[in-house]
Amino acid sequence: MPSRSKAKGDRDERGLVAAAQAAGLDARRVPLSGAVAEFKGDVQIMTKNRVWLAECKHRANGFKQLYGWLADYIDVLTVRADRQPRLVVMREETFFDLISTSETVENEKTAEH
């Protein structure tokens, strides 16, 4: 029987897959996510040009401050620790729009040539 935290993570991964599919994207959970070295990430979102790997983390209140900084009118939030690369945080819908739009733009560029 899986632990409650494992079950919570599994639900979150399935939720991301369902949301991506509802946005018209091809997505699936990674087989044995986190359990086998050959299978990286938790969720794969496939577009024509690449496979996006998502690592899903779900905490009760662990990310509360991020939500405060990512106000309704902010598109992306960047965070960075000293001597580490910058990370970009955005809402799921923004990410789906971004990768869907980039696919369309890339396809239009390819069709022009």
N, C-alpha and C. Protein backbone atom coordinates (compact mmCIF):
# COMPACT_ATOMS: atom_id res chain seq x y z
N MET A 1 0.84 -1.18 0.00
CA MET A 1 0.00 0.00 0.00
C MET A 1 0.89 1.25 0.00
N PRO A 2 0.68 2.14 -0.96
CA PRO A 2 1.53 3.33 -1.04
C PRO A 2 1.28 4.28 0.14
N SER A 3 2.30 5.04 0.47
CA SER A 3 2.15 6.03 1.54
C SER A 3 1.19 7.13 1.10
N ARG A 4 0.70 7.88 2.07
CA ARG A 4 -0.21 8.98 1.74
C ARG A 4 0.48 10.03 0.89
N SER A 5 1.77 10.29 1.17
CA SER A 5 2.48 11.30 0.37
C SER A 5 2.71 10.81 -1.06
N LYS A 6 2.96 9.52 -1.23
CA LYS A 6 3.12 8.95 -2.58
C LYS A 6 1.80 9.04 -3.34
N ALA A 7 0.70 8.71 -2.66
CA ALA A 7 -0.62 8.79 -3.29
C ALA A 7 -0.94 10.24 -3.67
N LYS A 8 -0.56 11.19 -2.81
CA LYS A 8 -0.78 12.61 -3.10
C LYS A 8 0.01 13.02 -4.33
N GLY A 9 1.26 12.57 -4.44
CA GLY A 9 2.08 12.88 -5.60
C GLY A 9 1.53 12.26 -6.87
N ASP A 10 1.07 11.02 -6.77
CA ASP A 10 0.46 10.35 -7.93
C ASP A 10 -0.76 11.12 -8.44
N ARG A 11 -1.60 11.57 -7.50
CA ARG A 11 -2.78 12.36 -7.89
C ARG A 11 -2.37 13.65 -8.59
N ASP A 12 -1.32 14.29 -8.08
CA ASP A 12 -0.86 15.54 -8.69
C ASP A 12 -0.34 15.29 -10.10
N GLU A 13 0.41 14.21 -10.29
CA GLU A 13 0.92 13.86 -11.63
C GLU A 13 -0.24 13.59 -12.58
N ARG A 14 -1.23 12.81 -12.13
CA ARG A 14 -2.39 12.53 -12.98
C ARG A 14 -3.15 13.82 -13.30
N GLY A 15 -3.20 14.73 -12.33
CA GLY A 15 -3.86 16.01 -12.55
C GLY A 15 -3.17 16.85 -13.61
N LEU A 16 -1.83 16.85 -13.60
CA LEU A 16 -1.09 17.58 -14.63
C LEU A 16 -1.33 16.97 -16.00
N VAL A 17 -1.32 15.65 -16.09
CA VAL A 17 -1.59 14.98 -17.37
C VAL A 17 -2.98 15.36 -17.87
N ALA A 18 -3.97 15.29 -17.00
CA ALA A 18 -5.34 15.62 -17.40
C ALA A 18 -5.46 17.07 -17.85
N ALA A 19 -4.81 18.00 -17.13
CA ALA A 19 -4.86 19.41 -17.50
C ALA A 19 -4.18 19.65 -18.84
N ALA A 20 -3.04 19.01 -19.07
CA ALA A 20 -2.34 19.17 -20.35
C ALA A 20 -3.19 18.63 -21.49
N GLN A 21 -3.80 17.48 -21.27
CA GLN A 21 -4.66 16.89 -22.30
C GLN A 21 -5.87 17.76 -22.56
N ALA A 22 -6.44 18.34 -21.53
CA ALA A 22 -7.58 19.24 -21.69
C ALA A 22 -7.19 20.49 -22.49
N ALA A 23 -5.90 20.87 -22.41
CA ALA A 23 -5.39 22.01 -23.18
C ALA A 23 -5.00 21.61 -24.59
N GLY A 24 -5.25 20.35 -24.97
CA GLY A 24 -4.97 19.89 -26.32
C GLY A 24 -3.56 19.37 -26.53
N LEU A 25 -2.85 19.11 -25.45
CA LEU A 25 -1.48 18.62 -25.54
C LEU A 25 -1.44 17.12 -25.27
N ASP A 26 -0.44 16.45 -25.80
CA ASP A 26 -0.24 15.02 -25.59
C ASP A 26 0.64 14.85 -24.36
N ALA A 27 0.12 14.20 -23.32
CA ALA A 27 0.87 14.06 -22.07
C ALA A 27 0.63 12.69 -21.46
N ARG A 28 1.63 12.25 -20.69
CA ARG A 28 1.49 10.97 -19.97
C ARG A 28 2.43 10.96 -18.78
N ARG A 29 2.07 10.14 -17.81
CA ARG A 29 2.95 9.94 -16.66
C ARG A 29 4.14 9.10 -17.10
N VAL A 30 5.29 9.35 -16.52
CA VAL A 30 6.48 8.58 -16.80
C VAL A 30 6.36 7.24 -16.08
N PRO A 31 6.62 6.14 -16.78
CA PRO A 31 6.55 4.83 -16.11
C PRO A 31 7.52 4.78 -14.93
N LEU A 32 7.05 4.30 -13.81
CA LEU A 32 7.89 4.14 -12.61
C LEU A 32 8.59 5.44 -12.21
N SER A 33 7.91 6.55 -12.35
CA SER A 33 8.55 7.85 -12.12
C SER A 33 9.28 7.88 -10.79
N GLY A 34 10.55 8.26 -10.88
CA GLY A 34 11.38 8.37 -9.70
C GLY A 34 11.95 7.07 -9.17
N ALA A 35 11.47 5.95 -9.67
CA ALA A 35 11.91 4.66 -9.13
C ALA A 35 13.04 4.02 -9.95
N VAL A 36 13.19 4.41 -11.21
CA VAL A 36 14.18 3.80 -12.08
C VAL A 36 14.97 4.90 -12.78
N ALA A 37 16.28 4.77 -12.80
CA ALA A 37 17.15 5.82 -13.35
C ALA A 37 16.87 6.12 -14.82
N GLU A 38 16.44 5.14 -15.60
CA GLU A 38 16.20 5.36 -17.03
C GLU A 38 14.98 6.23 -17.31
N PHE A 39 14.09 6.34 -16.34
CA PHE A 39 12.87 7.11 -16.53
C PHE A 39 12.97 8.39 -15.71
N LYS A 40 13.30 9.48 -16.36
CA LYS A 40 13.49 10.77 -15.70
C LYS A 40 12.18 11.54 -15.63
N GLY A 41 12.03 12.33 -14.58
CA GLY A 41 10.85 13.17 -14.42
C GLY A 41 9.62 12.38 -14.01
N ASP A 42 8.51 13.11 -13.89
CA ASP A 42 7.24 12.50 -13.49
C ASP A 42 6.23 12.46 -14.63
N VAL A 43 6.26 13.50 -15.47
CA VAL A 43 5.28 13.62 -16.55
C VAL A 43 6.00 14.06 -17.82
N GLN A 44 5.59 13.49 -18.94
CA GLN A 44 6.08 13.91 -20.25
C GLN A 44 4.95 14.63 -20.98
N ILE A 45 5.28 15.79 -21.53
CA ILE A 45 4.34 16.52 -22.39
C ILE A 45 5.00 16.59 -23.75
N MET A 46 4.39 15.94 -24.73
CA MET A 46 5.00 15.82 -26.04
C MET A 46 4.43 16.88 -26.99
N THR A 47 5.36 17.58 -27.66
CA THR A 47 4.99 18.49 -28.73
C THR A 47 5.74 18.01 -29.97
N LYS A 48 5.49 18.65 -31.08
CA LYS A 48 6.14 18.20 -32.32
C LYS A 48 7.66 18.33 -32.27
N ASN A 49 8.15 19.34 -31.56
CA ASN A 49 9.58 19.62 -31.56
C ASN A 49 10.35 19.02 -30.40
N ARG A 50 9.66 18.64 -29.33
CA ARG A 50 10.38 18.12 -28.17
C ARG A 50 9.46 17.47 -27.17
N VAL A 51 10.08 16.79 -26.23
CA VAL A 51 9.35 16.22 -25.09
C VAL A 51 9.73 17.05 -23.87
N TRP A 52 8.73 17.61 -23.21
CA TRP A 52 8.94 18.40 -22.01
C TRP A 52 8.82 17.47 -20.82
N LEU A 53 9.82 17.44 -19.95
CA LEU A 53 9.78 16.62 -18.75
C LEU A 53 9.41 17.50 -17.56
N ALA A 54 8.41 17.06 -16.82
CA ALA A 54 7.97 17.81 -15.65
C ALA A 54 8.24 16.99 -14.39
N GLU A 55 8.76 17.64 -13.40
CA GLU A 55 8.92 17.05 -12.07
C GLU A 55 7.84 17.69 -11.21
N CYS A 56 7.00 16.90 -10.60
CA CYS A 56 5.86 17.41 -9.84
C CYS A 56 6.16 17.39 -8.34
N LYS A 57 5.95 18.49 -7.68
CA LYS A 57 6.09 18.60 -6.23
C LYS A 57 4.81 19.20 -5.68
N HIS A 58 4.26 18.58 -4.66
CA HIS A 58 3.00 19.03 -4.07
C HIS A 58 3.21 19.11 -2.56
N ARG A 59 3.07 20.29 -2.00
CA ARG A 59 3.25 20.51 -0.57
C ARG A 59 2.03 21.23 -0.03
N ALA A 60 1.69 20.97 1.21
CA ALA A 60 0.53 21.61 1.83
C ALA A 60 0.69 23.13 1.81
N ASN A 61 1.78 23.64 2.35
CA ASN A 61 2.02 25.09 2.38
C ASN A 61 3.45 25.45 2.01
N GLY A 62 4.19 24.51 1.49
CA GLY A 62 5.60 24.73 1.20
C GLY A 62 5.89 25.77 0.15
N PHE A 63 4.92 26.10 -0.68
CA PHE A 63 5.15 27.06 -1.76
C PHE A 63 4.26 28.29 -1.61
N LYS A 64 3.74 28.51 -0.43
CA LYS A 64 2.80 29.60 -0.18
C LYS A 64 3.35 30.95 -0.63
N GLN A 65 4.62 31.23 -0.33
CA GLN A 65 5.20 32.52 -0.69
C GLN A 65 5.23 32.72 -2.20
N LEU A 66 5.47 31.64 -2.97
CA LEU A 66 5.49 31.75 -4.43
C LEU A 66 4.15 32.27 -4.95
N TYR A 67 3.06 31.75 -4.39
CA TYR A 67 1.73 32.19 -4.82
C TYR A 67 1.53 33.67 -4.50
N GLY A 68 2.06 34.13 -3.39
CA GLY A 68 1.96 35.54 -3.04
C GLY A 68 2.71 36.43 -4.02
N TRP A 69 3.88 35.98 -4.44
CA TRP A 69 4.67 36.76 -5.39
C TRP A 69 4.10 36.71 -6.79
N LEU A 70 3.47 35.60 -7.15
CA LEU A 70 2.92 35.42 -8.50
C LEU A 70 1.48 35.94 -8.51
N ALA A 71 1.34 37.25 -8.34
CA ALA A 71 0.02 37.88 -8.30
C ALA A 71 -0.72 37.66 -9.62
N ASP A 72 -2.01 37.93 -9.61
CA ASP A 72 -2.85 37.70 -10.79
C ASP A 72 -2.34 38.40 -12.05
N TYR A 73 -1.71 39.54 -11.91
CA TYR A 73 -1.27 40.32 -13.08
C TYR A 73 0.16 39.98 -13.51
N ILE A 74 0.85 39.09 -12.82
CA ILE A 74 2.23 38.71 -13.13
C ILE A 74 2.22 37.46 -14.00
N ASP A 75 2.95 37.48 -15.11
CA ASP A 75 3.00 36.31 -16.01
C ASP A 75 4.00 35.26 -15.55
N VAL A 76 5.19 35.70 -15.14
CA VAL A 76 6.21 34.76 -14.68
C VAL A 76 6.91 35.34 -13.45
N LEU A 77 7.39 34.44 -12.63
CA LEU A 77 8.16 34.78 -11.45
C LEU A 77 9.53 34.14 -11.61
N THR A 78 10.58 34.89 -11.37
CA THR A 78 11.91 34.29 -11.39
C THR A 78 12.44 34.22 -9.96
N VAL A 79 13.11 33.13 -9.66
CA VAL A 79 13.73 32.94 -8.35
C VAL A 79 15.15 32.43 -8.57
N ARG A 80 16.03 32.79 -7.66
CA ARG A 80 17.41 32.33 -7.81
C ARG A 80 18.10 32.35 -6.47
N ALA A 81 18.79 31.28 -6.17
CA ALA A 81 19.66 31.23 -4.99
C ALA A 81 21.05 31.72 -5.40
N ASP A 82 21.82 32.13 -4.44
CA ASP A 82 23.20 32.57 -4.74
C ASP A 82 23.95 31.47 -5.48
N ARG A 83 24.66 31.88 -6.52
CA ARG A 83 25.50 31.00 -7.33
C ARG A 83 24.72 29.82 -7.96
N GLN A 84 23.46 30.05 -8.20
CA GLN A 84 22.61 29.04 -8.87
C GLN A 84 21.93 29.69 -10.06
N PRO A 85 21.52 28.89 -11.05
CA PRO A 85 20.82 29.48 -12.20
C PRO A 85 19.41 29.97 -11.81
N ARG A 86 18.95 30.93 -12.56
CA ARG A 86 17.61 31.48 -12.34
C ARG A 86 16.56 30.45 -12.74
N LEU A 87 15.50 30.36 -11.98
CA LEU A 87 14.36 29.50 -12.30
C LEU A 87 13.16 30.38 -12.63
N VAL A 88 12.32 29.90 -13.50
CA VAL A 88 11.12 30.63 -13.89
C VAL A 88 9.91 29.83 -13.42
N VAL A 89 9.03 30.51 -12.71
CA VAL A 89 7.79 29.90 -12.20
C VAL A 89 6.63 30.58 -12.92
N MET A 90 5.70 29.79 -13.42
CA MET A 90 4.52 30.35 -14.08
C MET A 90 3.32 29.45 -13.84
N ARG A 91 2.16 30.00 -14.07
CA ARG A 91 0.94 29.20 -13.94
C ARG A 91 0.90 28.15 -15.05
N GLU A 92 0.25 27.05 -14.75
CA GLU A 92 0.10 25.94 -15.69
C GLU A 92 -0.48 26.41 -17.03
N GLU A 93 -1.52 27.22 -16.97
CA GLU A 93 -2.17 27.69 -18.20
C GLU A 93 -1.19 28.50 -19.04
N THR A 94 -0.37 29.32 -18.39
CA THR A 94 0.62 30.12 -19.11
C THR A 94 1.62 29.22 -19.82
N PHE A 95 2.07 28.19 -19.11
CA PHE A 95 3.02 27.23 -19.70
C PHE A 95 2.39 26.52 -20.90
N PHE A 96 1.16 26.03 -20.75
CA PHE A 96 0.49 25.34 -21.85
C PHE A 96 0.32 26.27 -23.05
N ASP A 97 -0.08 27.53 -22.80
CA ASP A 97 -0.21 28.50 -23.89
C ASP A 97 1.14 28.73 -24.57
N LEU A 98 2.18 28.84 -23.77
CA LEU A 98 3.52 29.10 -24.30
C LEU A 98 3.98 27.98 -25.22
N ILE A 99 3.87 26.73 -24.77
CA ILE A 99 4.37 25.65 -25.62
C ILE A 99 3.44 25.39 -26.80
N SER A 100 2.15 25.63 -26.64
CA SER A 100 1.23 25.47 -27.77
C SER A 100 1.50 26.54 -28.82
N THR A 101 1.70 27.77 -28.38
CA THR A 101 1.97 28.88 -29.28
C THR A 101 3.31 28.70 -29.98
N SER A 102 4.33 28.26 -29.25
CA SER A 102 5.65 28.08 -29.87
C SER A 102 5.58 26.99 -30.94
N GLU A 103 4.77 25.98 -30.73
CA GLU A 103 4.60 24.94 -31.74
C GLU A 103 3.96 25.53 -32.99
N THR A 104 2.94 26.36 -32.82
CA THR A 104 2.25 26.96 -33.95
C THR A 104 3.19 27.90 -34.71
N VAL A 105 3.91 28.74 -33.98
CA VAL A 105 4.84 29.67 -34.61
C VAL A 105 5.92 28.90 -35.35
N GLU A 106 6.48 27.87 -34.74
CA GLU A 106 7.52 27.07 -35.37
C GLU A 106 6.98 26.40 -36.63
N ASN A 107 5.78 25.86 -36.57
CA ASN A 107 5.18 25.23 -37.73
C ASN A 107 4.95 26.23 -38.85
N GLU A 108 4.54 27.45 -38.51
CA GLU A 108 4.32 28.49 -39.51
C GLU A 108 5.64 28.88 -40.17
N LYS A 109 6.73 28.97 -39.38
CA LYS A 109 8.05 29.30 -39.93
C LYS A 109 8.51 28.20 -40.89
N THR A 110 8.28 26.95 -40.50
CA THR A 110 8.68 25.82 -41.34
C THR A 110 7.89 25.82 -42.63
N ALA A 111 6.60 26.16 -42.56
CA ALA A 111 5.76 26.16 -43.75
C ALA A 111 6.17 27.26 -44.73
N GLU A 112 6.72 28.37 -44.21
CA GLU A 112 7.13 29.48 -45.07
C GLU A 112 8.36 29.14 -45.89
N HIS A 113 9.20 28.24 -45.43
CA HIS A 113 10.45 27.93 -46.12
C HIS A 113 10.32 26.76 -47.01
